[in-house]
Amino acid sequence: MKTSMTKWERIRAAIKGEETDRTPVALWKHYPVEDMTAEGLVAATVAFQKKYDWDLVKFTPTGTYSIMDLGAETEWIPNNMGVRTVTKTAITRAEEWPQLPVWDATKGFIGQQNRALSLAVKELKGEVPIIQTIFSPLTTARKLAGDRIFTDLRTHPQLFKQGLEIITQITIQFAQEAIKAGASGVFFATQLASYRLLNEMEYQEFGEAYDCKILSAIQPQVEIAMIHIHGEDTMYDRMFKYPVNMANFHDRITAPTLKEARMHTKLMLAGGVNEWNTLVTGPVSAIQAEVKDAIAQTGHRGLLIAPGCVVPQHAPEEHLHAVRQAVEN
């Protein structure tokens, strides 16, 4: 076992699949209401980091930040995910996709998220890697229009693609501004790479083509690029080929397990904690057992102990501390 490492050293070694002094760990969550102002989001993020001492900070703006300047309306209706509810979609007809405004990602609510990130970077003094949350264009499109996107992409593909291209350009600018603000990289979330929603040809055409434009545009500038593969029955084989160096998915809920994923990819894996079951209900011994099992599945290398998605609002603090303490043991 190596001598004590800094957070940066630990993450960098794990990305390379090298030995570390202990397995790195990070959990992340939403901060509802607080996340509507830069100051509130920064204070909540920094407090969460100082309380648990994670090895990586996944910066988590409200999940609707990418649509709030584009005409969608949202409301905070209390829920355990900590996400705002879209009360009015911005797109109601396929003909509206090419009419999306080419928004300046340095302004408005979306610009506020990178101003907040820059403040968090200063507060954390560079001691821990911090990555900005980026949504795939197809994910943003669904947040903008709801499930009508499945009809639009099949019946009006060219109109829909014009909308995706506008969203892609805004997202590239936002990602580049995040890097300027001090982000160590990105947490790139795709919520539609699931066989329950699309087939592979559809995702390749309407998802992957735009995802890779963004990731390729920023690849030379980022040290950490984590793909978050959201949902069940996912196209993980396709995602593992993206230009990223870390992969996060619901390994305790759907295929693949961490062990299976390790046979498919050399990417650093992020997972091992069942955020909707064990992390909420416990007991602490079960949480510790999950962490131990995750480390064993990956052969003690190339792993970040992490949730499959955001930590629920009602997960007890004792259980979050248990995850952090488990890697020390």
C-alpha atoms as a PDB file:
ATOM      1  CA  MET A   1       0.000   0.000   0.000  1.00  0.00           C
ATOM      2  CA  LYS A   2       1.293   3.450  -0.914  1.00  0.00           C
ATOM      3  CA  THR A   3       1.990   6.184   1.623  1.00  0.00           C
ATOM      4  CA  SER A   4      -0.641   8.872   2.163  1.00  0.00           C
ATOM      5  CA  MET A   5      -1.685  10.693  -1.010  1.00  0.00           C
ATOM      6  CA  THR A   6      -3.387  14.018  -1.672  1.00  0.00           C
ATOM      7  CA  LYS A   7      -6.837  13.980  -3.271  1.00  0.00           C
ATOM      8  CA  TRP A   8      -5.352  14.987  -6.597  1.00  0.00           C
ATOM      9  CA  GLU A   9      -2.685  12.285  -6.446  1.00  0.00           C
ATOM     10  CA  ARG A  10      -5.281   9.678  -5.502  1.00  0.00           C
ATOM     11  CA  ILE A  11      -7.652  10.562  -8.360  1.00  0.00           C
ATOM     12  CA  ARG A  12      -4.889  10.837 -10.954  1.00  0.00           C
ATOM     13  CA  ALA A  13      -3.439   7.472  -9.976  1.00  0.00           C
ATOM     14  CA  ALA A  14      -6.863   5.807  -9.996  1.00  0.00           C
ATOM     15  CA  ILE A  15      -7.605   7.163 -13.490  1.00  0.00           C
ATOM     16  CA  LYS A  16      -4.418   5.483 -14.680  1.00  0.00           C
ATOM     17  CA  GLY A  17      -5.335   2.242 -12.923  1.00  0.00           C
ATOM     18  CA  GLU A  18      -2.385   2.576 -10.587  1.00  0.00           C
ATOM     19  CA  GLU A  19      -2.137   1.646  -6.928  1.00  0.00           C
ATOM     20  CA  THR A  20      -3.489   4.188  -4.432  1.00  0.00           C
ATOM     21  CA  ASP A  21      -3.143   4.572  -0.679  1.00  0.00           C
ATOM     22  CA  ARG A  22      -6.891   3.899  -0.423  1.00  0.00           C
ATOM     23  CA  THR A  23      -9.841   3.841  -2.798  1.00  0.00           C
ATOM     24  CA  PRO A  24     -11.063   7.382  -3.588  1.00  0.00           C
ATOM     25  CA  VAL A  25     -14.654   8.233  -2.665  1.00  0.00           C
ATOM     26  CA  ALA A  26     -17.205  10.927  -3.501  1.00  0.00           C
ATOM     27  CA  LEU A  27     -20.944  11.347  -3.084  1.00  0.00           C
ATOM     28  CA  TRP A  28     -23.003  14.173  -4.550  1.00  0.00           C
ATOM     29  CA  LYS A  29     -26.482  15.626  -4.103  1.00  0.00           C
ATOM     30  CA  HIS A  30     -28.780  18.476  -5.084  1.00  0.00           C
ATOM     31  CA  TYR A  31     -29.281  21.573  -2.931  1.00  0.00           C
ATOM     32  CA  PRO A  32     -32.885  22.618  -3.656  1.00  0.00           C
ATOM     33  CA  VAL A  33     -33.808  26.288  -3.128  1.00  0.00           C
ATOM     34  CA  GLU A  34     -30.186  27.075  -2.208  1.00  0.00           C
ATOM     35  CA  ASP A  35     -29.191  26.255  -5.798  1.00  0.00           C
ATOM     36  CA  MET A  36     -31.231  29.164  -7.204  1.00  0.00           C
ATOM     37  CA  THR A  37     -28.529  31.681  -6.267  1.00  0.00           C
ATOM     38  CA  ALA A  38     -24.784  31.472  -6.865  1.00  0.00           C
ATOM     39  CA  GLU A  39     -24.070  32.230  -3.226  1.00  0.00           C
ATOM     40  CA  GLY A  40     -26.480  29.580  -1.976  1.00  0.00           C
ATOM     41  CA  LEU A  41     -25.120  26.890  -4.271  1.00  0.00           C
ATOM     42  CA  VAL A  42     -21.512  27.693  -3.335  1.00  0.00           C
ATOM     43  CA  ALA A  43     -22.207  27.706   0.396  1.00  0.00           C
ATOM     44  CA  ALA A  44     -24.051  24.373   0.223  1.00  0.00           C
ATOM     45  CA  THR A  45     -21.396  22.738  -1.962  1.00  0.00           C
ATOM     46  CA  VAL A  46     -18.493  23.855   0.200  1.00  0.00           C
ATOM     47  CA  ALA A  47     -20.275  22.874   3.426  1.00  0.00           C
ATOM     48  CA  PHE A  48     -20.999  19.394   2.027  1.00  0.00           C
ATOM     49  CA  GLN A  49     -17.357  18.959   1.038  1.00  0.00           C
ATOM     50  CA  LYS A  50     -16.017  20.151   4.376  1.00  0.00           C
ATOM     51  CA  LYS A  51     -18.369  17.873   6.284  1.00  0.00           C
ATOM     52  CA  TYR A  52     -17.434  14.658   4.454  1.00  0.00           C
ATOM     53  CA  ASP A  53     -13.990  15.333   2.900  1.00  0.00           C
ATOM     54  CA  TRP A  54     -14.650  13.710  -0.507  1.00  0.00           C
ATOM     55  CA  ASP A  55     -11.829  13.077  -2.982  1.00  0.00           C
ATOM     56  CA  LEU A  56     -13.734  14.758  -5.818  1.00  0.00           C
ATOM     57  CA  VAL A  57     -16.427  17.439  -5.903  1.00  0.00           C
ATOM     58  CA  LYS A  58     -19.167  16.923  -8.448  1.00  0.00           C
ATOM     59  CA  PHE A  59     -20.596  20.428  -8.768  1.00  0.00           C
ATOM     60  CA  THR A  60     -24.382  20.067  -8.858  1.00  0.00           C
ATOM     61  CA  PRO A  61     -26.454  23.012 -10.068  1.00  0.00           C
ATOM     62  CA  THR A  62     -30.204  22.554 -10.223  1.00  0.00           C
ATOM     63  CA  GLY A  63     -31.060  19.872 -12.773  1.00  0.00           C
ATOM     64  CA  THR A  64     -33.028  22.374 -14.866  1.00  0.00           C
ATOM     65  CA  TYR A  65     -30.291  24.992 -15.262  1.00  0.00           C
ATOM     66  CA  SER A  66     -29.840  24.231 -18.973  1.00  0.00           C
ATOM     67  CA  ILE A  67     -33.455  25.081 -19.917  1.00  0.00           C
ATOM     68  CA  MET A  68     -34.397  28.023 -17.719  1.00  0.00           C
ATOM     69  CA  ASP A  69     -33.082  30.627 -20.182  1.00  0.00           C
ATOM     70  CA  LEU A  70     -34.795  28.897 -23.114  1.00  0.00           C
ATOM     71  CA  GLY A  71     -38.412  29.446 -22.178  1.00  0.00           C
ATOM     72  CA  ALA A  72     -39.189  26.567 -19.833  1.00  0.00           C
ATOM     73  CA  GLU A  73     -40.789  27.266 -16.460  1.00  0.00           C
ATOM     74  CA  THR A  74     -39.925  25.326 -13.309  1.00  0.00           C
ATOM     75  CA  GLU A  75     -41.023  25.149  -9.695  1.00  0.00           C
ATOM     76  CA  TRP A  76     -39.613  23.632  -6.521  1.00  0.00           C
ATOM     77  CA  ILE A  77     -42.091  20.979  -5.436  1.00  0.00           C
ATOM     78  CA  PRO A  78     -40.431  19.096  -2.540  1.00  0.00           C
ATOM     79  CA  ASN A  79     -39.187  15.640  -3.520  1.00  0.00           C
ATOM     80  CA  ASN A  80     -36.451  13.274  -2.400  1.00  0.00           C
ATOM     81  CA  MET A  81     -34.392  13.724  -5.573  1.00  0.00           C
ATOM     82  CA  GLY A  82     -33.984  17.432  -4.851  1.00  0.00           C
ATOM     83  CA  VAL A  83     -34.851  18.421  -8.439  1.00  0.00           C
ATOM     84  CA  ARG A  84     -37.161  21.164  -9.686  1.00  0.00           C
ATOM     85  CA  THR A  85     -40.314  20.231 -11.597  1.00  0.00           C
ATOM     86  CA  VAL A  86     -40.824  21.540 -15.136  1.00  0.00           C
ATOM     87  CA  THR A  87     -44.259  23.158 -15.017  1.00  0.00           C
ATOM     88  CA  LYS A  88     -44.248  24.516 -18.571  1.00  0.00           C
ATOM     89  CA  THR A  89     -42.245  23.148 -21.482  1.00  0.00           C
ATOM     90  CA  ALA A  90     -40.599  25.490 -23.969  1.00  0.00           C
ATOM     91  CA  ILE A  91     -41.352  23.428 -27.086  1.00  0.00           C
ATOM     92  CA  THR A  92     -44.899  22.456 -28.034  1.00  0.00           C
ATOM     93  CA  ARG A  93     -44.535  21.987 -31.819  1.00  0.00           C
ATOM     94  CA  ALA A  94     -41.790  20.426 -33.935  1.00  0.00           C
ATOM     95  CA  GLU A  95     -41.512  23.662 -35.935  1.00  0.00           C
ATOM     96  CA  GLU A  96     -40.213  25.427 -32.819  1.00  0.00           C
ATOM     97  CA  TRP A  97     -36.941  23.484 -32.597  1.00  0.00           C
ATOM     98  CA  PRO A  98     -35.064  25.633 -35.186  1.00  0.00           C
ATOM     99  CA  GLN A  99     -36.381  28.746 -33.424  1.00  0.00           C
ATOM    100  CA  LEU A 100     -34.543  28.102 -30.151  1.00  0.00           C
ATOM    101  CA  PRO A 101     -32.472  31.168 -29.227  1.00  0.00           C
ATOM    102  CA  VAL A 102     -28.712  30.857 -29.561  1.00  0.00           C
ATOM    103  CA  TRP A 103     -28.158  31.814 -25.927  1.00  0.00           C
ATOM    104  CA  ASP A 104     -24.915  33.266 -24.569  1.00  0.00           C
ATOM    105  CA  ALA A 105     -23.797  30.730 -21.949  1.00  0.00           C
ATOM    106  CA  THR A 106     -21.999  33.433 -19.966  1.00  0.00           C
ATOM    107  CA  LYS A 107     -25.280  35.229 -19.246  1.00  0.00           C
ATOM    108  CA  GLY A 108     -28.569  34.537 -17.526  1.00  0.00           C
ATOM    109  CA  PHE A 109     -29.228  31.591 -15.266  1.00  0.00           C
ATOM    110  CA  ILE A 110     -26.897  29.263 -17.164  1.00  0.00           C
ATOM    111  CA  GLY A 111     -24.056  31.766 -16.803  1.00  0.00           C
ATOM    112  CA  GLN A 112     -24.723  31.932 -13.075  1.00  0.00           C
ATOM    113  CA  GLN A 113     -23.704  28.279 -12.710  1.00  0.00           C
ATOM    114  CA  ASN A 114     -20.118  28.866 -13.797  1.00  0.00           C
ATOM    115  CA  ARG A 115     -19.855  32.039 -11.743  1.00  0.00           C
ATOM    116  CA  ALA A 116     -20.872  29.899  -8.786  1.00  0.00           C
ATOM    117  CA  LEU A 117     -18.342  27.247  -9.742  1.00  0.00           C
ATOM    118  CA  SER A 118     -15.525  29.805  -9.846  1.00  0.00           C
ATOM    119  CA  LEU A 119     -16.431  30.893  -6.313  1.00  0.00           C
ATOM    120  CA  ALA A 120     -16.448  27.279  -5.113  1.00  0.00           C
ATOM    121  CA  VAL A 121     -13.034  26.696  -6.697  1.00  0.00           C
ATOM    122  CA  LYS A 122     -11.655  29.646  -4.722  1.00  0.00           C
ATOM    123  CA  GLU A 123     -13.265  28.458  -1.484  1.00  0.00           C
ATOM    124  CA  LEU A 124     -11.802  24.954  -1.894  1.00  0.00           C
ATOM    125  CA  LYS A 125      -8.345  26.388  -2.719  1.00  0.00           C
ATOM    126  CA  GLY A 126      -7.500  23.825  -5.391  1.00  0.00           C
ATOM    127  CA  GLU A 127      -7.178  21.035  -2.845  1.00  0.00           C
ATOM    128  CA  VAL A 128      -9.753  18.799  -4.528  1.00  0.00           C
ATOM    129  CA  PRO A 129     -10.741  18.199  -8.177  1.00  0.00           C
ATOM    130  CA  ILE A 130     -14.079  19.807  -9.036  1.00  0.00           C
ATOM    131  CA  ILE A 131     -16.123  18.903 -12.110  1.00  0.00           C
ATOM    132  CA  GLN A 132     -19.065  20.773 -13.613  1.00  0.00           C
ATOM    133  CA  THR A 133     -22.311  19.005 -14.509  1.00  0.00           C
ATOM    134  CA  ILE A 134     -23.024  19.063 -18.248  1.00  0.00           C
ATOM    135  CA  PHE A 135     -26.206  17.636 -19.767  1.00  0.00           C
ATOM    136  CA  SER A 136     -26.193  15.946 -23.145  1.00  0.00           C
ATOM    137  CA  PRO A 137     -28.140  17.860 -25.823  1.00  0.00           C
ATOM    138  CA  LEU A 138     -30.752  15.116 -26.044  1.00  0.00           C
ATOM    139  CA  THR A 139     -31.208  15.268 -22.269  1.00  0.00           C
ATOM    140  CA  THR A 140     -31.687  19.043 -22.426  1.00  0.00           C
ATOM    141  CA  ALA A 141     -34.123  18.613 -25.315  1.00  0.00           C
ATOM    142  CA  ARG A 142     -36.285  16.280 -23.232  1.00  0.00           C
ATOM    143  CA  LYS A 143     -36.252  18.725 -20.337  1.00  0.00           C
ATOM    144  CA  LEU A 144     -37.332  21.458 -22.790  1.00  0.00           C
ATOM    145  CA  ALA A 145     -40.139  19.550 -24.488  1.00  0.00           C
ATOM    146  CA  GLY A 146     -40.962  16.488 -22.437  1.00  0.00           C
ATOM    147  CA  ASP A 147     -41.678  13.138 -24.049  1.00  0.00           C
ATOM    148  CA  ARG A 148     -42.845  14.710 -27.308  1.00  0.00           C
ATOM    149  CA  ILE A 149     -39.183  14.504 -28.400  1.00  0.00           C
ATOM    150  CA  PHE A 150     -39.706  10.825 -29.184  1.00  0.00           C
ATOM    151  CA  THR A 151     -42.357  11.774 -31.740  1.00  0.00           C
ATOM    152  CA  ASP A 152     -40.376  14.722 -33.083  1.00  0.00           C
ATOM    153  CA  LEU A 153     -37.169  12.794 -33.667  1.00  0.00           C
ATOM    154  CA  ARG A 154     -39.092  10.111 -35.583  1.00  0.00           C
ATOM    155  CA  THR A 155     -41.517  12.273 -37.557  1.00  0.00           C
ATOM    156  CA  HIS A 156     -39.608  15.565 -37.956  1.00  0.00           C
ATOM    157  CA  PRO A 157     -35.942  14.519 -37.656  1.00  0.00           C
ATOM    158  CA  GLN A 158     -34.474  17.469 -39.552  1.00  0.00           C
ATOM    159  CA  LEU A 159     -36.334  20.068 -37.509  1.00  0.00           C
ATOM    160  CA  PHE A 160     -35.374  18.273 -34.316  1.00  0.00           C
ATOM    161  CA  LYS A 161     -31.715  18.119 -35.353  1.00  0.00           C
ATOM    162  CA  GLN A 162     -31.665  21.875 -35.876  1.00  0.00           C
ATOM    163  CA  GLY A 163     -32.744  22.259 -32.280  1.00  0.00           C
ATOM    164  CA  LEU A 164     -30.117  19.772 -31.091  1.00  0.00           C
ATOM    165  CA  GLU A 165     -27.427  21.700 -32.973  1.00  0.00           C
ATOM    166  CA  ILE A 166     -28.393  24.950 -31.223  1.00  0.00           C
ATOM    167  CA  ILE A 167     -28.355  23.211 -27.833  1.00  0.00           C
ATOM    168  CA  THR A 168     -24.982  21.643 -28.677  1.00  0.00           C
ATOM    169  CA  GLN A 169     -23.361  24.988 -29.426  1.00  0.00           C
ATOM    170  CA  ILE A 170     -24.685  26.491 -26.182  1.00  0.00           C
ATOM    171  CA  THR A 171     -23.445  23.435 -24.259  1.00  0.00           C
ATOM    172  CA  ILE A 172     -19.969  23.596 -25.791  1.00  0.00           C
ATOM    173  CA  GLN A 173     -19.681  27.233 -24.753  1.00  0.00           C
ATOM    174  CA  PHE A 174     -20.954  26.428 -21.267  1.00  0.00           C
ATOM    175  CA  ALA A 175     -18.417  23.599 -20.883  1.00  0.00           C
ATOM    176  CA  GLN A 176     -15.577  25.816 -22.074  1.00  0.00           C
ATOM    177  CA  GLU A 177     -16.624  28.544 -19.643  1.00  0.00           C
ATOM    178  CA  ALA A 178     -16.629  25.973 -16.837  1.00  0.00           C
ATOM    179  CA  ILE A 179     -13.002  25.181 -17.605  1.00  0.00           C
ATOM    180  CA  LYS A 180     -12.148  28.892 -17.584  1.00  0.00           C
ATOM    181  CA  ALA A 181     -13.888  29.133 -14.211  1.00  0.00           C
ATOM    182  CA  GLY A 182     -11.527  26.518 -12.781  1.00  0.00           C
ATOM    183  CA  ALA A 183     -13.308  23.205 -13.326  1.00  0.00           C
ATOM    184  CA  SER A 184     -10.981  20.205 -13.433  1.00  0.00           C
ATOM    185  CA  GLY A 185     -13.328  18.571 -15.895  1.00  0.00           C
ATOM    186  CA  VAL A 186     -16.931  17.612 -16.550  1.00  0.00           C
ATOM    187  CA  PHE A 187     -19.638  15.247 -15.363  1.00  0.00           C
ATOM    188  CA  PHE A 188     -21.383  14.588 -18.681  1.00  0.00           C
ATOM    189  CA  ALA A 189     -24.873  13.248 -18.012  1.00  0.00           C
ATOM    190  CA  THR A 190     -26.905  11.421 -20.622  1.00  0.00           C
ATOM    191  CA  GLN A 191     -30.387  10.333 -19.542  1.00  0.00           C
ATOM    192  CA  LEU A 192     -31.659   8.733 -22.757  1.00  0.00           C
ATOM    193  CA  ALA A 193     -29.062   6.103 -23.666  1.00  0.00           C
ATOM    194  CA  SER A 194     -31.519   3.396 -22.626  1.00  0.00           C
ATOM    195  CA  TYR A 195     -33.147   0.657 -24.681  1.00  0.00           C
ATOM    196  CA  ARG A 196     -36.345   1.492 -22.814  1.00  0.00           C
ATOM    197  CA  LEU A 197     -36.436   4.827 -24.648  1.00  0.00           C
ATOM    198  CA  LEU A 198     -34.524   4.541 -27.936  1.00  0.00           C
ATOM    199  CA  ASN A 199     -32.857   1.923 -30.115  1.00  0.00           C
ATOM    200  CA  GLU A 200     -29.131   2.096 -30.840  1.00  0.00           C
ATOM    201  CA  MET A 201     -29.526   3.637 -34.300  1.00  0.00           C
ATOM    202  CA  GLU A 202     -31.724   6.378 -32.872  1.00  0.00           C
ATOM    203  CA  TYR A 203     -29.317   7.126 -30.060  1.00  0.00           C
ATOM    204  CA  GLN A 204     -26.358   7.129 -32.413  1.00  0.00           C
ATOM    205  CA  GLU A 205     -28.096   9.665 -34.679  1.00  0.00           C
ATOM    206  CA  PHE A 206     -29.737  11.946 -32.116  1.00  0.00           C
ATOM    207  CA  GLY A 207     -27.597  11.400 -29.037  1.00  0.00           C
ATOM    208  CA  GLU A 208     -24.074  10.188 -29.644  1.00  0.00           C
ATOM    209  CA  ALA A 209     -23.408  12.451 -32.644  1.00  0.00           C
ATOM    210  CA  TYR A 210     -23.977  15.546 -30.501  1.00  0.00           C
ATOM    211  CA  ASP A 211     -22.487  14.151 -27.272  1.00  0.00           C
ATOM    212  CA  CYS A 212     -19.165  13.539 -28.960  1.00  0.00           C
ATOM    213  CA  LYS A 213     -19.098  17.004 -30.520  1.00  0.00           C
ATOM    214  CA  ILE A 214     -19.096  18.451 -27.016  1.00  0.00           C
ATOM    215  CA  LEU A 215     -16.674  15.990 -25.459  1.00  0.00           C
ATOM    216  CA  SER A 216     -14.241  16.251 -28.385  1.00  0.00           C
ATOM    217  CA  ALA A 217     -14.349  20.056 -28.247  1.00  0.00           C
ATOM    218  CA  ILE A 218     -13.180  20.133 -24.625  1.00  0.00           C
ATOM    219  CA  GLN A 219     -11.095  16.947 -24.434  1.00  0.00           C
ATOM    220  CA  PRO A 220      -7.687  18.674 -24.694  1.00  0.00           C
ATOM    221  CA  GLN A 221      -8.641  21.082 -21.898  1.00  0.00           C
ATOM    222  CA  VAL A 222      -9.972  18.765 -19.206  1.00  0.00           C
ATOM    223  CA  GLU A 223      -8.214  16.384 -16.862  1.00  0.00           C
ATOM    224  CA  ILE A 224     -11.348  14.554 -15.747  1.00  0.00           C
ATOM    225  CA  ALA A 225     -14.202  13.615 -18.085  1.00  0.00           C
ATOM    226  CA  MET A 226     -16.830  11.431 -16.430  1.00  0.00           C
ATOM    227  CA  ILE A 227     -19.752  10.027 -18.391  1.00  0.00           C
ATOM    228  CA  HIS A 228     -22.894   9.517 -16.303  1.00  0.00           C
ATOM    229  CA  ILE A 229     -25.073   6.835 -17.919  1.00  0.00           C
ATOM    230  CA  HIS A 230     -28.465   7.421 -16.358  1.00  0.00           C
ATOM    231  CA  GLY A 231     -31.267   4.879 -16.236  1.00  0.00           C
ATOM    232  CA  GLU A 232     -31.775   1.162 -16.643  1.00  0.00           C
ATOM    233  CA  ASP A 233     -31.027  -1.192 -19.563  1.00  0.00           C
ATOM    234  CA  THR A 234     -28.475   1.265 -20.913  1.00  0.00           C
ATOM    235  CA  MET A 235     -26.251   1.251 -24.002  1.00  0.00           C
ATOM    236  CA  TYR A 236     -23.175   1.201 -21.810  1.00  0.00           C
ATOM    237  CA  ASP A 237     -20.977  -0.432 -24.450  1.00  0.00           C
ATOM    238  CA  ARG A 238     -21.427   2.637 -26.644  1.00  0.00           C
ATOM    239  CA  MET A 239     -20.846   5.041 -23.750  1.00  0.00           C
ATOM    240  CA  PHE A 240     -17.629   3.310 -22.720  1.00  0.00           C
ATOM    241  CA  LYS A 241     -16.187   4.282 -26.132  1.00  0.00           C
ATOM    242  CA  TYR A 242     -16.786   7.997 -25.609  1.00  0.00           C
ATOM    243  CA  PRO A 243     -13.724  10.300 -25.272  1.00  0.00           C
ATOM    244  CA  VAL A 244     -13.827  10.187 -21.448  1.00  0.00           C
ATOM    245  CA  ASN A 245     -11.696   8.655 -18.704  1.00  0.00           C
ATOM    246  CA  MET A 246     -14.355   7.843 -16.063  1.00  0.00           C
ATOM    247  CA  ALA A 247     -17.760   6.159 -16.192  1.00  0.00           C
ATOM    248  CA  ASN A 248     -20.593   6.372 -13.664  1.00  0.00           C
ATOM    249  CA  PHE A 249     -23.771   4.287 -13.863  1.00  0.00           C
ATOM    250  CA  HIS A 250     -26.363   2.522 -11.698  1.00  0.00           C
ATOM    251  CA  ASP A 251     -24.271  -0.597 -11.126  1.00  0.00           C
ATOM    252  CA  ARG A 252     -26.365  -1.727  -8.135  1.00  0.00           C
ATOM    253  CA  ILE A 253     -29.636  -1.416 -10.066  1.00  0.00           C
ATOM    254  CA  THR A 254     -28.983  -2.449 -13.666  1.00  0.00           C
ATOM    255  CA  ALA A 255     -26.293  -4.045 -15.822  1.00  0.00           C
ATOM    256  CA  PRO A 256     -23.375  -3.929 -15.851  1.00  0.00           C
ATOM    257  CA  THR A 257     -21.947  -4.681 -12.442  1.00  0.00           C
ATOM    258  CA  LEU A 258     -18.572  -3.119 -11.717  1.00  0.00           C
ATOM    259  CA  LYS A 259     -16.938  -6.479 -12.356  1.00  0.00           C
ATOM    260  CA  GLU A 260     -18.678  -6.829 -15.713  1.00  0.00           C
ATOM    261  CA  ALA A 261     -17.834  -3.247 -16.654  1.00  0.00           C
ATOM    262  CA  ARG A 262     -14.170  -3.865 -15.891  1.00  0.00           C
ATOM    263  CA  MET A 263     -14.205  -6.622 -18.517  1.00  0.00           C
ATOM    264  CA  HIS A 264     -15.594  -4.162 -21.084  1.00  0.00           C
ATOM    265  CA  THR A 265     -13.490  -1.072 -20.450  1.00  0.00           C
ATOM    266  CA  LYS A 266     -10.297   0.317 -18.948  1.00  0.00           C
ATOM    267  CA  LEU A 267     -12.050   3.528 -17.904  1.00  0.00           C
ATOM    268  CA  MET A 268     -11.966   4.422 -14.229  1.00  0.00           C
ATOM    269  CA  LEU A 269     -15.314   3.337 -12.796  1.00  0.00           C
ATOM    270  CA  ALA A 270     -17.454   5.343 -10.381  1.00  0.00           C
ATOM    271  CA  GLY A 271     -20.060   3.442  -8.411  1.00  0.00           C
ATOM    272  CA  GLY A 272     -20.603   0.738  -5.842  1.00  0.00           C
ATOM    273  CA  VAL A 273     -23.188   2.484  -3.638  1.00  0.00           C
ATOM    274  CA  ASN A 274     -26.930   1.847  -3.990  1.00  0.00           C
ATOM    275  CA  GLU A 275     -28.144   5.374  -3.331  1.00  0.00           C
ATOM    276  CA  TRP A 276     -31.874   4.540  -3.385  1.00  0.00           C
ATOM    277  CA  ASN A 277     -31.753   1.506  -1.141  1.00  0.00           C
ATOM    278  CA  THR A 278     -28.760   0.856   1.078  1.00  0.00           C
ATOM    279  CA  LEU A 279     -27.708   4.487   1.446  1.00  0.00           C
ATOM    280  CA  VAL A 280     -31.201   5.426   2.648  1.00  0.00           C
ATOM    281  CA  THR A 281     -32.226   2.402   4.697  1.00  0.00           C
ATOM    282  CA  GLY A 282     -28.858   1.166   5.926  1.00  0.00           C
ATOM    283  CA  PRO A 283     -27.798  -0.315   8.204  1.00  0.00           C
ATOM    284  CA  VAL A 284     -24.228   0.968   8.377  1.00  0.00           C
ATOM    285  CA  SER A 285     -22.906  -2.598   8.156  1.00  0.00           C
ATOM    286  CA  ALA A 286     -24.691  -3.056   4.797  1.00  0.00           C
ATOM    287  CA  ILE A 287     -23.181   0.177   3.473  1.00  0.00           C
ATOM    288  CA  GLN A 288     -19.714  -0.932   4.541  1.00  0.00           C
ATOM    289  CA  ALA A 289     -20.302  -4.307   2.883  1.00  0.00           C
ATOM    290  CA  GLU A 290     -21.245  -2.623  -0.416  1.00  0.00           C
ATOM    291  CA  VAL A 291     -18.077  -0.537  -0.375  1.00  0.00           C
ATOM    292  CA  LYS A 292     -15.937  -3.572   0.383  1.00  0.00           C
ATOM    293  CA  ASP A 293     -17.644  -5.576  -2.365  1.00  0.00           C
ATOM    294  CA  ALA A 294     -17.183  -2.777  -4.932  1.00  0.00           C
ATOM    295  CA  ILE A 295     -13.465  -2.591  -4.196  1.00  0.00           C
ATOM    296  CA  ALA A 296     -13.175  -6.366  -4.527  1.00  0.00           C
ATOM    297  CA  GLN A 297     -15.067  -6.360  -7.847  1.00  0.00           C
ATOM    298  CA  THR A 298     -12.541  -3.970  -9.378  1.00  0.00           C
ATOM    299  CA  GLY A 299      -9.398  -5.512  -7.940  1.00  0.00           C
ATOM    300  CA  HIS A 300      -8.661  -2.494  -5.737  1.00  0.00           C
ATOM    301  CA  ARG A 301      -7.828  -0.280  -8.733  1.00  0.00           C
ATOM    302  CA  GLY A 302      -9.453   2.181 -11.114  1.00  0.00           C
ATOM    303  CA  LEU A 303     -12.449   2.860  -8.890  1.00  0.00           C
ATOM    304  CA  LEU A 304     -14.173   5.845  -7.296  1.00  0.00           C
ATOM    305  CA  ILE A 305     -16.660   4.745  -4.656  1.00  0.00           C
ATOM    306  CA  ALA A 306     -19.729   6.737  -5.684  1.00  0.00           C
ATOM    307  CA  PRO A 307     -23.520   6.641  -5.993  1.00  0.00           C
ATOM    308  CA  GLY A 308     -25.262   5.599  -9.200  1.00  0.00           C
ATOM    309  CA  CYS A 309     -26.883   9.060  -9.242  1.00  0.00           C
ATOM    310  CA  VAL A 310     -27.559  11.906  -6.804  1.00  0.00           C
ATOM    311  CA  VAL A 311     -27.872  11.055  -3.122  1.00  0.00           C
ATOM    312  CA  PRO A 312     -31.522  11.333  -2.003  1.00  0.00           C
ATOM    313  CA  GLN A 313     -32.386  14.235   0.238  1.00  0.00           C
ATOM    314  CA  HIS A 314     -33.573  11.898   2.996  1.00  0.00           C
ATOM    315  CA  ALA A 315     -30.404   9.779   3.196  1.00  0.00           C
ATOM    316  CA  PRO A 316     -29.212  10.003   6.837  1.00  0.00           C
ATOM    317  CA  GLU A 317     -25.947  11.836   7.487  1.00  0.00           C
ATOM    318  CA  GLU A 318     -24.760   8.809   9.440  1.00  0.00           C
ATOM    319  CA  HIS A 319     -24.967   6.730   6.264  1.00  0.00           C
ATOM    320  CA  LEU A 320     -22.987   9.245   4.216  1.00  0.00           C
ATOM    321  CA  HIS A 321     -20.305   9.284   6.895  1.00  0.00           C
ATOM    322  CA  ALA A 322     -20.320   5.476   6.773  1.00  0.00           C
ATOM    323  CA  VAL A 323     -19.404   5.514   3.076  1.00  0.00           C
ATOM    324  CA  ARG A 324     -16.525   7.901   3.739  1.00  0.00           C
ATOM    325  CA  GLN A 325     -15.296   5.874   6.708  1.00  0.00           C
ATOM    326  CA  ALA A 326     -15.552   2.558   4.857  1.00  0.00           C
ATOM    327  CA  VAL A 327     -12.717   3.403   2.463  1.00  0.00           C
ATOM    328  CA  GLU A 328     -10.435   4.087   5.409  1.00  0.00           C
ATOM    329  CA  ASN A 329     -11.039   0.595   6.750  1.00  0.00           C
END
